[in-house]
C-alpha atoms as a PDB file:
ATOM      1  CA  MET A   1      60.628  -7.521 -63.818  1.00  0.00           C
ATOM      2  CA  GLU A   2      62.460  -6.666 -66.024  1.00  0.00           C
ATOM      3  CA  GLN A   3      60.309  -5.277 -67.677  1.00  0.00           C
ATOM      4  CA  ILE A   4      59.757  -2.383 -64.209  1.00  0.00           C
ATOM      5  CA  LEU A   5      63.191  -1.667 -64.316  1.00  0.00           C
ATOM      6  CA  LYS A   6      63.919  -1.031 -67.817  1.00  0.00           C
ATOM      7  CA  LEU A   7      61.569   1.641 -67.278  1.00  0.00           C
ATOM      8  CA  ILE A   8      63.619   3.288 -63.973  1.00  0.00           C
ATOM      9  CA  GLU A   9      66.990   2.531 -65.324  1.00  0.00           C
ATOM     10  CA  ASP A  10      68.488   4.950 -65.947  1.00  0.00           C
ATOM     11  CA  ASP A  11      67.234   6.134 -62.383  1.00  0.00           C
ATOM     12  CA  LEU A  12      68.830   2.767 -60.748  1.00  0.00           C
ATOM     13  CA  LYS A  13      71.747   3.697 -62.285  1.00  0.00           C
ATOM     14  CA  LYS A  14      71.707   6.955 -60.162  1.00  0.00           C
ATOM     15  CA  LEU A  15      70.665   5.748 -57.558  1.00  0.00           C
ATOM     16  CA  GLU A  16      73.453   3.478 -57.319  1.00  0.00           C
ATOM     17  CA  VAL A  17      76.451   6.522 -58.017  1.00  0.00           C
ATOM     18  CA  SER A  18      74.151   7.995 -55.068  1.00  0.00           C
ATOM     19  CA  ILE A  19      74.998   5.855 -52.730  1.00  0.00           C
ATOM     20  CA  ASP A  20      78.570   5.291 -52.660  1.00  0.00           C
ATOM     21  CA  GLN A  21      78.142   8.971 -52.713  1.00  0.00           C
ATOM     22  CA  LEU A  22      75.872   9.522 -50.175  1.00  0.00           C
ATOM     23  CA  VAL A  23      77.517   7.335 -47.824  1.00  0.00           C
ATOM     24  CA  SER A  24      80.334  10.082 -46.984  1.00  0.00           C
ATOM     25  CA  THR A  25      82.266   9.380 -43.863  1.00  0.00           C
ATOM     26  CA  ARG A  26      86.353   9.796 -42.551  1.00  0.00           C
ATOM     27  CA  VAL A  27      86.024   6.039 -41.473  1.00  0.00           C
ATOM     28  CA  GLY A  28      86.479   3.466 -43.986  1.00  0.00           C
ATOM     29  CA  PHE A  29      85.323   1.042 -42.071  1.00  0.00           C
ATOM     30  CA  ILE A  30      81.899   2.328 -41.847  1.00  0.00           C
ATOM     31  CA  ARG A  31      82.304   2.132 -45.882  1.00  0.00           C
ATOM     32  CA  GLU A  32      83.701  -1.357 -46.122  1.00  0.00           C
ATOM     33  CA  ILE A  33      80.344  -2.632 -44.185  1.00  0.00           C
ATOM     34  CA  VAL A  34      77.636  -0.657 -45.595  1.00  0.00           C
ATOM     35  CA  ASN A  35      78.839  -1.495 -49.082  1.00  0.00           C
ATOM     36  CA  TYR A  36      79.032  -5.082 -48.408  1.00  0.00           C
ATOM     37  CA  ILE A  37      75.697  -5.261 -47.525  1.00  0.00           C
ATOM     38  CA  VAL A  38      73.819  -2.539 -49.591  1.00  0.00           C
ATOM     39  CA  LYS A  39      75.575  -4.920 -52.576  1.00  0.00           C
ATOM     40  CA  SER A  40      74.488  -7.646 -51.414  1.00  0.00           C
ATOM     41  CA  GLY A  41      72.083  -8.031 -54.105  1.00  0.00           C
ATOM     42  CA  GLY A  42      69.282  -6.971 -52.547  1.00  0.00           C
ATOM     43  CA  LYS A  43      65.997  -6.340 -54.722  1.00  0.00           C
ATOM     44  CA  ARG A  44      66.092  -3.057 -54.238  1.00  0.00           C
ATOM     45  CA  ILE A  45      62.060  -2.600 -53.794  1.00  0.00           C
ATOM     46  CA  ARG A  46      61.681  -0.017 -51.862  1.00  0.00           C
ATOM     47  CA  PRO A  47      63.755   2.715 -53.909  1.00  0.00           C
ATOM     48  CA  ILE A  48      61.970   1.415 -56.951  1.00  0.00           C
ATOM     49  CA  LEU A  49      58.811   2.308 -55.299  1.00  0.00           C
ATOM     50  CA  VAL A  50      59.920   5.470 -54.115  1.00  0.00           C
ATOM     51  CA  MET A  51      60.833   5.729 -57.751  1.00  0.00           C
ATOM     52  CA  LEU A  52      57.616   4.506 -59.731  1.00  0.00           C
ATOM     53  CA  SER A  53      54.941   6.683 -57.503  1.00  0.00           C
ATOM     54  CA  SER A  54      57.100  10.172 -57.605  1.00  0.00           C
ATOM     55  CA  LYS A  55      56.883   9.338 -61.554  1.00  0.00           C
ATOM     56  CA  LEU A  56      52.907   8.224 -61.383  1.00  0.00           C
ATOM     57  CA  CYS A  57      52.012  11.352 -59.119  1.00  0.00           C
ATOM     58  CA  GLY A  58      54.061  13.733 -62.099  1.00  0.00           C
ATOM     59  CA  TYR A  59      57.259  14.718 -60.338  1.00  0.00           C
ATOM     60  CA  GLU A  60      60.021  16.076 -62.358  1.00  0.00           C
ATOM     61  CA  GLY A  61      62.941  16.450 -60.294  1.00  0.00           C
ATOM     62  CA  ASP A  62      65.450  14.219 -58.816  1.00  0.00           C
ATOM     63  CA  LYS A  63      65.221  14.432 -55.055  1.00  0.00           C
ATOM     64  CA  HIS A  64      63.323  10.589 -55.622  1.00  0.00           C
ATOM     65  CA  ILE A  65      67.013   9.641 -56.025  1.00  0.00           C
ATOM     66  CA  THR A  66      68.040  10.931 -53.195  1.00  0.00           C
ATOM     67  CA  TYR A  67      64.844   9.918 -51.109  1.00  0.00           C
ATOM     68  CA  SER A  68      65.251   5.929 -52.480  1.00  0.00           C
ATOM     69  CA  ALA A  69      69.360   5.823 -51.394  1.00  0.00           C
ATOM     70  CA  ILE A  70      67.676   7.216 -47.833  1.00  0.00           C
ATOM     71  CA  ILE A  71      65.233   4.348 -47.670  1.00  0.00           C
ATOM     72  CA  GLU A  72      67.846   1.537 -48.586  1.00  0.00           C
ATOM     73  CA  PHE A  73      70.124   2.705 -46.006  1.00  0.00           C
ATOM     74  CA  ILE A  74      67.592   2.816 -43.040  1.00  0.00           C
ATOM     75  CA  HIS A  75      66.397  -0.674 -44.923  1.00  0.00           C
ATOM     76  CA  THR A  76      70.256  -1.484 -44.450  1.00  0.00           C
ATOM     77  CA  SER A  77      69.834  -0.646 -40.610  1.00  0.00           C
ATOM     78  CA  THR A  78      67.174  -2.693 -39.810  1.00  0.00           C
ATOM     79  CA  LEU A  79      69.288  -5.770 -41.565  1.00  0.00           C
ATOM     80  CA  LEU A  80      72.412  -4.892 -39.347  1.00  0.00           C
ATOM     81  CA  HIS A  81      70.425  -4.866 -36.367  1.00  0.00           C
ATOM     82  CA  ASP A  82      68.154  -7.980 -37.046  1.00  0.00           C
ATOM     83  CA  ASP A  83      70.544 -10.030 -38.154  1.00  0.00           C
ATOM     84  CA  VAL A  84      72.495  -9.466 -34.591  1.00  0.00           C
ATOM     85  CA  VAL A  85      69.140 -10.391 -32.848  1.00  0.00           C
ATOM     86  CA  ASP A  86      68.458 -13.254 -34.396  1.00  0.00           C
ATOM     87  CA  ASN A  87      72.510 -14.044 -34.602  1.00  0.00           C
ATOM     88  CA  ALA A  88      71.430 -14.644 -37.884  1.00  0.00           C
ATOM     89  CA  LYS A  89      74.655 -16.463 -39.947  1.00  0.00           C
ATOM     90  CA  THR A  90      74.034 -15.512 -43.611  1.00  0.00           C
ATOM     91  CA  ARG A  91      71.710 -13.417 -44.682  1.00  0.00           C
ATOM     92  CA  ARG A  92      70.938 -14.082 -49.197  1.00  0.00           C
ATOM     93  CA  GLY A  93      73.245 -17.233 -49.522  1.00  0.00           C
ATOM     94  CA  ALA A  94      76.371 -14.906 -47.460  1.00  0.00           C
ATOM     95  CA  SER A  95      77.652 -14.404 -44.593  1.00  0.00           C
ATOM     96  CA  THR A  96      76.064 -11.886 -42.393  1.00  0.00           C
ATOM     97  CA  ALA A  97      78.286  -8.506 -41.435  1.00  0.00           C
ATOM     98  CA  ASN A  98      77.570  -9.647 -37.952  1.00  0.00           C
ATOM     99  CA  THR A  99      79.344 -13.242 -38.735  1.00  0.00           C
ATOM    100  CA  ILE A 100      82.515 -11.376 -40.257  1.00  0.00           C
ATOM    101  CA  TRP A 101      82.869  -8.348 -38.430  1.00  0.00           C
ATOM    102  CA  GLY A 102      80.840  -8.959 -34.995  1.00  0.00           C
ATOM    103  CA  ASN A 103      78.027  -7.507 -33.374  1.00  0.00           C
ATOM    104  CA  GLU A 104      79.336  -4.052 -31.842  1.00  0.00           C
ATOM    105  CA  ALA A 105      80.431  -3.020 -35.773  1.00  0.00           C
ATOM    106  CA  SER A 106      76.986  -4.485 -37.186  1.00  0.00           C
ATOM    107  CA  VAL A 107      75.210  -1.966 -34.630  1.00  0.00           C
ATOM    108  CA  LEU A 108      77.553   0.975 -34.542  1.00  0.00           C
ATOM    109  CA  VAL A 109      77.141   0.498 -38.505  1.00  0.00           C
ATOM    110  CA  GLY A 110      73.460   0.553 -38.454  1.00  0.00           C
ATOM    111  CA  ASP A 111      73.725   3.720 -35.912  1.00  0.00           C
ATOM    112  CA  PHE A 112      75.230   5.648 -38.617  1.00  0.00           C
ATOM    113  CA  LEU A 113      73.049   4.748 -41.914  1.00  0.00           C
ATOM    114  CA  TYR A 114      69.557   5.811 -39.263  1.00  0.00           C
ATOM    115  CA  THR A 115      71.985   8.961 -38.353  1.00  0.00           C
ATOM    116  CA  LYS A 116      73.021   9.686 -41.938  1.00  0.00           C
ATOM    117  CA  SER A 117      69.378   8.814 -43.174  1.00  0.00           C
ATOM    118  CA  PHE A 118      68.127  11.473 -41.300  1.00  0.00           C
ATOM    119  CA  GLU A 119      70.996  14.545 -41.752  1.00  0.00           C
ATOM    120  CA  LEU A 120      69.688  13.705 -45.625  1.00  0.00           C
ATOM    121  CA  MET A 121      66.833  14.959 -45.027  1.00  0.00           C
ATOM    122  CA  ALA A 122      67.536  16.807 -43.144  1.00  0.00           C
ATOM    123  CA  GLU A 123      69.220  18.689 -46.400  1.00  0.00           C
ATOM    124  CA  GLY A 124      66.231  18.136 -48.423  1.00  0.00           C
ATOM    125  CA  ASP A 125      64.136  20.849 -46.489  1.00  0.00           C
ATOM    126  CA  ASN A 126      61.318  18.708 -46.954  1.00  0.00           C
ATOM    127  CA  PHE A 127      59.772  18.924 -43.425  1.00  0.00           C
ATOM    128  CA  GLU A 128      57.367  16.678 -44.644  1.00  0.00           C
ATOM    129  CA  ILE A 129      59.413  14.049 -45.621  1.00  0.00           C
ATOM    130  CA  VAL A 130      61.181  14.100 -42.739  1.00  0.00           C
ATOM    131  CA  LYS A 131      57.820  14.169 -40.131  1.00  0.00           C
ATOM    132  CA  THR A 132      56.902  11.098 -41.989  1.00  0.00           C
ATOM    133  CA  MET A 133      59.997   9.568 -42.240  1.00  0.00           C
ATOM    134  CA  ALA A 134      60.376   9.651 -37.609  1.00  0.00           C
ATOM    135  CA  HIS A 135      56.764   8.210 -37.369  1.00  0.00           C
ATOM    136  CA  THR A 136      57.506   4.953 -39.659  1.00  0.00           C
ATOM    137  CA  THR A 137      60.968   4.476 -38.034  1.00  0.00           C
ATOM    138  CA  LYS A 138      59.310   4.566 -34.530  1.00  0.00           C
ATOM    139  CA  GLN A 139      57.206   1.951 -36.176  1.00  0.00           C
ATOM    140  CA  LEU A 140      60.382   0.234 -37.207  1.00  0.00           C
ATOM    141  CA  SER A 141      61.841  -0.024 -33.654  1.00  0.00           C
ATOM    142  CA  GLU A 142      58.338  -1.199 -32.785  1.00  0.00           C
ATOM    143  CA  GLY A 143      57.825  -3.999 -34.494  1.00  0.00           C
ATOM    144  CA  GLU A 144      61.257  -5.495 -33.865  1.00  0.00           C
ATOM    145  CA  ILE A 145      60.532  -4.889 -30.405  1.00  0.00           C
ATOM    146  CA  LEU A 146      57.173  -6.750 -30.381  1.00  0.00           C
ATOM    147  CA  GLU A 147      58.778  -9.809 -32.683  1.00  0.00           C
ATOM    148  CA  LEU A 148      60.969 -10.187 -29.904  1.00  0.00           C
ATOM    149  CA  LEU A 149      58.971 -10.087 -26.920  1.00  0.00           C
ATOM    150  CA  LYS A 150      57.394 -13.113 -29.316  1.00  0.00           C
ATOM    151  CA  THR A 151      60.397 -14.797 -30.032  1.00  0.00           C
ATOM    152  CA  SER A 152      59.399 -19.004 -29.564  1.00  0.00           C
ATOM    153  CA  ASP A 153      56.494 -18.169 -28.613  1.00  0.00           C
ATOM    154  CA  VAL A 154      53.788 -20.853 -29.391  1.00  0.00           C
ATOM    155  CA  SER A 155      51.133 -18.704 -27.584  1.00  0.00           C
ATOM    156  CA  THR A 156      51.170 -15.510 -30.393  1.00  0.00           C
ATOM    157  CA  THR A 157      48.204 -15.627 -32.310  1.00  0.00           C
ATOM    158  CA  GLU A 158      47.522 -13.940 -36.184  1.00  0.00           C
ATOM    159  CA  GLU A 159      46.713 -10.384 -34.483  1.00  0.00           C
ATOM    160  CA  ASP A 160      50.249 -10.719 -33.202  1.00  0.00           C
ATOM    161  CA  TYR A 161      52.166 -11.655 -35.702  1.00  0.00           C
ATOM    162  CA  PHE A 162      50.040  -8.803 -38.261  1.00  0.00           C
ATOM    163  CA  GLU A 163      50.779  -6.317 -36.087  1.00  0.00           C
ATOM    164  CA  ILE A 164      54.442  -7.310 -36.315  1.00  0.00           C
ATOM    165  CA  ILE A 165      54.761  -7.565 -40.504  1.00  0.00           C
ATOM    166  CA  GLY A 166      52.782  -4.408 -40.146  1.00  0.00           C
ATOM    167  CA  ASN A 167      55.557  -2.768 -38.354  1.00  0.00           C
ATOM    168  CA  LYS A 168      58.720  -4.259 -38.952  1.00  0.00           C
ATOM    169  CA  THR A 169      58.574  -4.428 -43.301  1.00  0.00           C
ATOM    170  CA  ALA A 170      54.871  -3.048 -44.209  1.00  0.00           C
ATOM    171  CA  VAL A 171      55.542   0.253 -42.878  1.00  0.00           C
ATOM    172  CA  LEU A 172      58.679   0.992 -45.036  1.00  0.00           C
ATOM    173  CA  PHE A 173      57.070  -0.018 -47.858  1.00  0.00           C
ATOM    174  CA  SER A 174      54.542   2.219 -47.176  1.00  0.00           C
ATOM    175  CA  VAL A 175      56.552   4.863 -46.455  1.00  0.00           C
ATOM    176  CA  ALA A 176      58.352   4.793 -49.683  1.00  0.00           C
ATOM    177  CA  CYS A 177      55.398   5.229 -51.856  1.00  0.00           C
ATOM    178  CA  GLU A 178      54.277   7.652 -49.735  1.00  0.00           C
ATOM    179  CA  ILE A 179      57.130  10.107 -50.559  1.00  0.00           C
ATOM    180  CA  GLY A 180      56.890   9.697 -53.428  1.00  0.00           C
ATOM    181  CA  ALA A 181      53.653  11.216 -53.463  1.00  0.00           C
ATOM    182  CA  ILE A 182      54.421  13.854 -51.411  1.00  0.00           C
ATOM    183  CA  LEU A 183      57.755  14.471 -54.015  1.00  0.00           C
ATOM    184  CA  GLY A 184      54.888  15.054 -56.521  1.00  0.00           C
ATOM    185  CA  ASN A 185      52.814  17.890 -54.566  1.00  0.00           C
ATOM    186  CA  ILE A 186      49.820  14.809 -54.581  1.00  0.00           C
ATOM    187  CA  ASP A 187      47.634  15.393 -51.091  1.00  0.00           C
ATOM    188  CA  GLY A 188      44.085  13.801 -50.367  1.00  0.00           C
ATOM    189  CA  GLU A 189      42.937  10.393 -51.249  1.00  0.00           C
ATOM    190  CA  LYS A 190      45.148   9.590 -54.059  1.00  0.00           C
ATOM    191  CA  ARG A 191      47.953   9.894 -51.299  1.00  0.00           C
ATOM    192  CA  LEU A 192      46.364   7.494 -48.373  1.00  0.00           C
ATOM    193  CA  SER A 193      45.731   5.657 -51.830  1.00  0.00           C
ATOM    194  CA  LEU A 194      49.603   5.174 -52.455  1.00  0.00           C
ATOM    195  CA  LYS A 195      50.305   4.829 -48.719  1.00  0.00           C
ATOM    196  CA  GLU A 196      47.921   1.879 -48.426  1.00  0.00           C
ATOM    197  CA  TYR A 197      48.841   0.631 -51.539  1.00  0.00           C
ATOM    198  CA  GLY A 198      52.798  -0.063 -49.867  1.00  0.00           C
ATOM    199  CA  HIS A 199      51.601  -1.390 -46.876  1.00  0.00           C
ATOM    200  CA  ASN A 200      49.455  -4.753 -49.299  1.00  0.00           C
ATOM    201  CA  LEU A 201      52.628  -5.118 -50.760  1.00  0.00           C
ATOM    202  CA  GLY A 202      55.134  -4.887 -47.608  1.00  0.00           C
ATOM    203  CA  MET A 203      52.137  -7.351 -46.036  1.00  0.00           C
ATOM    204  CA  ALA A 204      52.264  -9.739 -49.037  1.00  0.00           C
ATOM    205  CA  PHE A 205      55.942  -9.624 -49.630  1.00  0.00           C
ATOM    206  CA  GLN A 206      56.451 -10.490 -45.631  1.00  0.00           C
ATOM    207  CA  LEU A 207      53.477 -13.376 -46.125  1.00  0.00           C
ATOM    208  CA  THR A 208      55.381 -14.861 -49.041  1.00  0.00           C
ATOM    209  CA  ASP A 209      58.445 -14.669 -47.527  1.00  0.00           C
ATOM    210  CA  ASP A 210      57.790 -17.093 -44.237  1.00  0.00           C
ATOM    211  CA  MET A 211      55.632 -19.022 -46.722  1.00  0.00           C
ATOM    212  CA  LEU A 212      59.266 -19.763 -48.418  1.00  0.00           C
ATOM    213  CA  ASP A 213      61.042 -20.181 -45.763  1.00  0.00           C
ATOM    214  CA  TYR A 214      58.965 -23.837 -45.142  1.00  0.00           C
ATOM    215  CA  ASN A 215      58.176 -24.963 -49.018  1.00  0.00           C
ATOM    216  CA  SER A 216      61.590 -23.578 -50.817  1.00  0.00           C
ATOM    217  CA  TYR A 217      65.011 -25.291 -51.590  1.00  0.00           C
ATOM    218  CA  ASP A 218      68.459 -23.372 -49.907  1.00  0.00           C
ATOM    219  CA  GLU A 219      69.562 -22.860 -53.160  1.00  0.00           C
ATOM    220  CA  VAL A 220      66.514 -20.984 -54.160  1.00  0.00           C
ATOM    221  CA  LEU A 221      65.714 -18.849 -51.110  1.00  0.00           C
ATOM    222  CA  GLY A 222      69.394 -17.594 -50.434  1.00  0.00           C
ATOM    223  CA  LYS A 223      69.107 -18.600 -47.011  1.00  0.00           C
ATOM    224  CA  LYS A 224      68.751 -21.489 -45.179  1.00  0.00           C
ATOM    225  CA  VAL A 225      65.567 -22.736 -45.108  1.00  0.00           C
ATOM    226  CA  GLY A 226      63.819 -23.247 -41.590  1.00  0.00           C
ATOM    227  CA  THR A 227      65.606 -20.415 -40.497  1.00  0.00           C
ATOM    228  CA  ASP A 228      62.789 -18.766 -39.375  1.00  0.00           C
ATOM    229  CA  LEU A 229      62.174 -21.188 -36.658  1.00  0.00           C
ATOM    230  CA  LYS A 230      65.130 -22.401 -34.976  1.00  0.00           C
ATOM    231  CA  GLU A 231      65.666 -18.366 -34.561  1.00  0.00           C
ATOM    232  CA  GLY A 232      62.434 -18.389 -32.925  1.00  0.00           C
ATOM    233  CA  LYS A 233      60.167 -16.788 -35.368  1.00  0.00           C
ATOM    234  CA  ILE A 234      56.525 -17.832 -35.185  1.00  0.00           C
ATOM    235  CA  THR A 235      55.251 -16.976 -38.289  1.00  0.00           C
ATOM    236  CA  LEU A 236      51.731 -17.551 -40.297  1.00  0.00           C
ATOM    237  CA  PRO A 237      52.045 -21.483 -41.552  1.00  0.00           C
ATOM    238  CA  LEU A 238      53.249 -22.655 -38.198  1.00  0.00           C
ATOM    239  CA  ILE A 239      50.145 -19.946 -36.401  1.00  0.00           C
ATOM    240  CA  PHE A 240      47.314 -21.788 -38.697  1.00  0.00           C
ATOM    241  CA  ALA A 241      48.369 -24.856 -37.859  1.00  0.00           C
ATOM    242  CA  MET A 242      48.881 -24.879 -34.260  1.00  0.00           C
ATOM    243  CA  ASN A 243      45.162 -24.104 -34.406  1.00  0.00           C
ATOM    244  CA  ALA A 244      44.455 -27.244 -35.527  1.00  0.00           C
ATOM    245  CA  ALA A 245      47.153 -29.390 -34.638  1.00  0.00           C
ATOM    246  CA  THR A 246      46.197 -32.548 -31.824  1.00  0.00           C
ATOM    247  CA  GLU A 247      47.568 -30.923 -27.978  1.00  0.00           C
ATOM    248  CA  LYS A 248      51.077 -33.843 -28.899  1.00  0.00           C
ATOM    249  CA  GLU A 249      51.499 -31.630 -32.552  1.00  0.00           C
ATOM    250  CA  LYS A 250      51.193 -28.640 -30.025  1.00  0.00           C
ATOM    251  CA  ALA A 251      53.533 -29.870 -27.043  1.00  0.00           C
ATOM    252  CA  PHE A 252      56.213 -30.950 -29.711  1.00  0.00           C
ATOM    253  CA  VAL A 253      56.636 -27.884 -31.325  1.00  0.00           C
ATOM    254  CA  LYS A 254      56.690 -26.393 -28.091  1.00  0.00           C
ATOM    255  CA  LYS A 255      59.366 -28.274 -27.621  1.00  0.00           C
ATOM    256  CA  VAL A 256      61.446 -27.567 -30.418  1.00  0.00           C
ATOM    257  CA  VAL A 257      61.156 -24.000 -30.706  1.00  0.00           C
ATOM    258  CA  GLU A 258      62.433 -24.045 -27.251  1.00  0.00           C
ATOM    259  CA  LYS A 259      65.296 -25.615 -27.763  1.00  0.00           C
ATOM    260  CA  SER A 260      68.572 -24.372 -28.074  1.00  0.00           C
ATOM    261  CA  SER A 261      69.346 -26.032 -31.416  1.00  0.00           C
ATOM    262  CA  ILE A 262      67.019 -27.873 -33.753  1.00  0.00           C
ATOM    263  CA  THR A 263      67.717 -30.335 -36.228  1.00  0.00           C
ATOM    264  CA  LEU A 264      66.821 -31.134 -39.540  1.00  0.00           C
ATOM    265  CA  LYS A 265      64.164 -34.140 -38.235  1.00  0.00           C
ATOM    266  CA  ASP A 266      63.182 -30.959 -36.078  1.00  0.00           C
ATOM    267  CA  PHE A 267      61.968 -29.271 -38.886  1.00  0.00           C
ATOM    268  CA  ASP A 268      61.485 -31.720 -41.030  1.00  0.00           C
ATOM    269  CA  ARG A 269      58.467 -32.994 -38.457  1.00  0.00           C
ATOM    270  CA  ILE A 270      57.387 -29.331 -38.315  1.00  0.00           C
ATOM    271  CA  ARG A 271      57.173 -29.006 -41.362  1.00  0.00           C
ATOM    272  CA  THR A 272      55.100 -31.568 -42.075  1.00  0.00           C
ATOM    273  CA  ILE A 273      52.445 -30.660 -39.341  1.00  0.00           C
ATOM    274  CA  ILE A 274      52.288 -27.329 -41.328  1.00  0.00           C
ATOM    275  CA  GLU A 275      51.083 -28.914 -44.385  1.00  0.00           C
ATOM    276  CA  LYS A 276      48.605 -31.059 -42.886  1.00  0.00           C
ATOM    277  CA  TYR A 277      46.818 -28.816 -41.858  1.00  0.00           C
ATOM    278  CA  ASP A 278      47.346 -25.984 -45.068  1.00  0.00           C
ATOM    279  CA  GLY A 279      49.539 -23.557 -42.888  1.00  0.00           C
ATOM    280  CA  ILE A 280      51.515 -22.196 -46.271  1.00  0.00           C
ATOM    281  CA  LYS A 281      48.003 -22.358 -48.461  1.00  0.00           C
ATOM    282  CA  TYR A 282      46.289 -20.361 -45.859  1.00  0.00           C
ATOM    283  CA  THR A 283      49.372 -18.257 -45.457  1.00  0.00           C
ATOM    284  CA  SER A 284      49.722 -17.867 -49.513  1.00  0.00           C
ATOM    285  CA  ASP A 285      46.230 -17.194 -50.059  1.00  0.00           C
ATOM    286  CA  LYS A 286      46.799 -14.253 -47.520  1.00  0.00           C
ATOM    287  CA  ALA A 287      49.375 -12.917 -49.719  1.00  0.00           C
ATOM    288  CA  MET A 288      46.780 -12.656 -52.424  1.00  0.00           C
ATOM    289  CA  GLU A 289      44.191 -11.298 -50.437  1.00  0.00           C
ATOM    290  CA  TYR A 290      46.717  -8.315 -50.201  1.00  0.00           C
ATOM    291  CA  THR A 291      48.114  -8.653 -53.285  1.00  0.00           C
ATOM    292  CA  THR A 292      44.424  -7.733 -54.859  1.00  0.00           C
ATOM    293  CA  ALA A 293      43.561  -4.911 -52.053  1.00  0.00           C
ATOM    294  CA  ALA A 294      47.641  -3.266 -53.546  1.00  0.00           C
ATOM    295  CA  ILE A 295      45.694  -3.953 -56.805  1.00  0.00           C
ATOM    296  CA  ASN A 296      42.576  -1.974 -56.010  1.00  0.00           C
ATOM    297  CA  CYS A 297      44.411   1.070 -54.480  1.00  0.00           C
ATOM    298  CA  LEU A 298      45.938   2.194 -57.754  1.00  0.00           C
ATOM    299  CA  ASN A 299      42.054   2.275 -59.340  1.00  0.00           C
ATOM    300  CA  ALA A 300      42.415   6.544 -57.991  1.00  0.00           C
ATOM    301  CA  PHE A 301      44.873   6.556 -60.942  1.00  0.00           C
ATOM    302  CA  GLU A 302      44.957   7.308 -63.989  1.00  0.00           C
ATOM    303  CA  SER A 303      46.604   5.398 -66.785  1.00  0.00           C
ATOM    304  CA  SER A 304      50.693   5.188 -67.525  1.00  0.00           C
ATOM    305  CA  PRO A 305      53.854   3.032 -67.815  1.00  0.00           C
ATOM    306  CA  PHE A 306      54.366   3.864 -64.238  1.00  0.00           C
ATOM    307  CA  LYS A 307      51.029   2.936 -62.801  1.00  0.00           C
ATOM    308  CA  ASP A 308      51.698  -0.399 -65.289  1.00  0.00           C
ATOM    309  CA  ALA A 309      54.462  -0.813 -63.290  1.00  0.00           C
ATOM    310  CA  LEU A 310      52.950  -0.121 -60.179  1.00  0.00           C
ATOM    311  CA  LEU A 311      50.005  -2.982 -60.681  1.00  0.00           C
ATOM    312  CA  GLU A 312      52.762  -5.787 -61.845  1.00  0.00           C
ATOM    313  CA  LEU A 313      55.182  -5.135 -58.621  1.00  0.00           C
ATOM    314  CA  PRO A 314      52.065  -7.254 -56.287  1.00  0.00           C
ATOM    315  CA  GLU A 315      52.148 -10.337 -58.619  1.00  0.00           C
ATOM    316  CA  TYR A 316      55.708 -10.352 -58.277  1.00  0.00           C
ATOM    317  CA  VAL A 317      55.962 -10.321 -55.209  1.00  0.00           C
ATOM    318  CA  HIS A 318      53.618 -12.635 -54.679  1.00  0.00           C
ATOM    319  CA  LYS A 319      55.396 -15.220 -57.030  1.00  0.00           C
ATOM    320  CA  ARG A 320      58.533 -14.584 -55.811  1.00  0.00           C
ATOM    321  CA  LYS A 321      60.770 -17.788 -55.412  1.00  0.00           C
ATOM    322  CA  THR A 322      63.478 -16.118 -53.527  1.00  0.00           C
END
């Protein structure tokens, strides 16, 4: 990852300056919340994908910096909304915005970032990107609603799960790469390959995230392990284990996920059930499948430092600990 960051070091510096400049508003309160969450230690993977994919496609201008910021704004707005829906208390080891400023402020600032993003895209005068992003944000909303509908639902299937993460996570990775192709005037199979690369990378990212929620440690992950379970999110490690579990174990899991408060003992027992039926291994194997698929999507592109960087990202995503 260090080599990737070094390759686009100048662009990343420009991104930080651009974020400060583009959050233009006369309401200082908005800027305070945006700065708090945007600068709270995120990995910037989605903006990095815009940068690398545009360079891979031969783009030589500077509009990719603005679109990188737009992608980060939309991602940030989803975080603000998600934390309100989930009643989350911490993110990246710090208090969530809704914990500090309240749900109302978080939702409204999230809305501001959405609308600001489309204002910036309209100014960019690239209708193809606007159209693509409009479709993506619709999918994001659908993914969040699907996840909400499946909250604490132990009958959630593997198919349901993949539909949810495909919409709520993978689409933003996918469109980040597609923006790079549009900026580089790459169409046809190569554009589709980059889009698929992003999708597969996003799927691997979310699968790894959901796996870490059961097998990491608080101080490493930057949030409370078991948060997904406490929020009623039924993810693949649990779904897979439930398919093999005994009726008694299934009844216990159902009882726990429907409780208003989950104890450490509850969580440890569910983690034991997941480990018993190899839920973590199964999820890791699925993440590896998407990792491999992402790498294969780049076969159509000629060798370059930017292709090498994109080839390294899937492995980083799969092996990360945070």
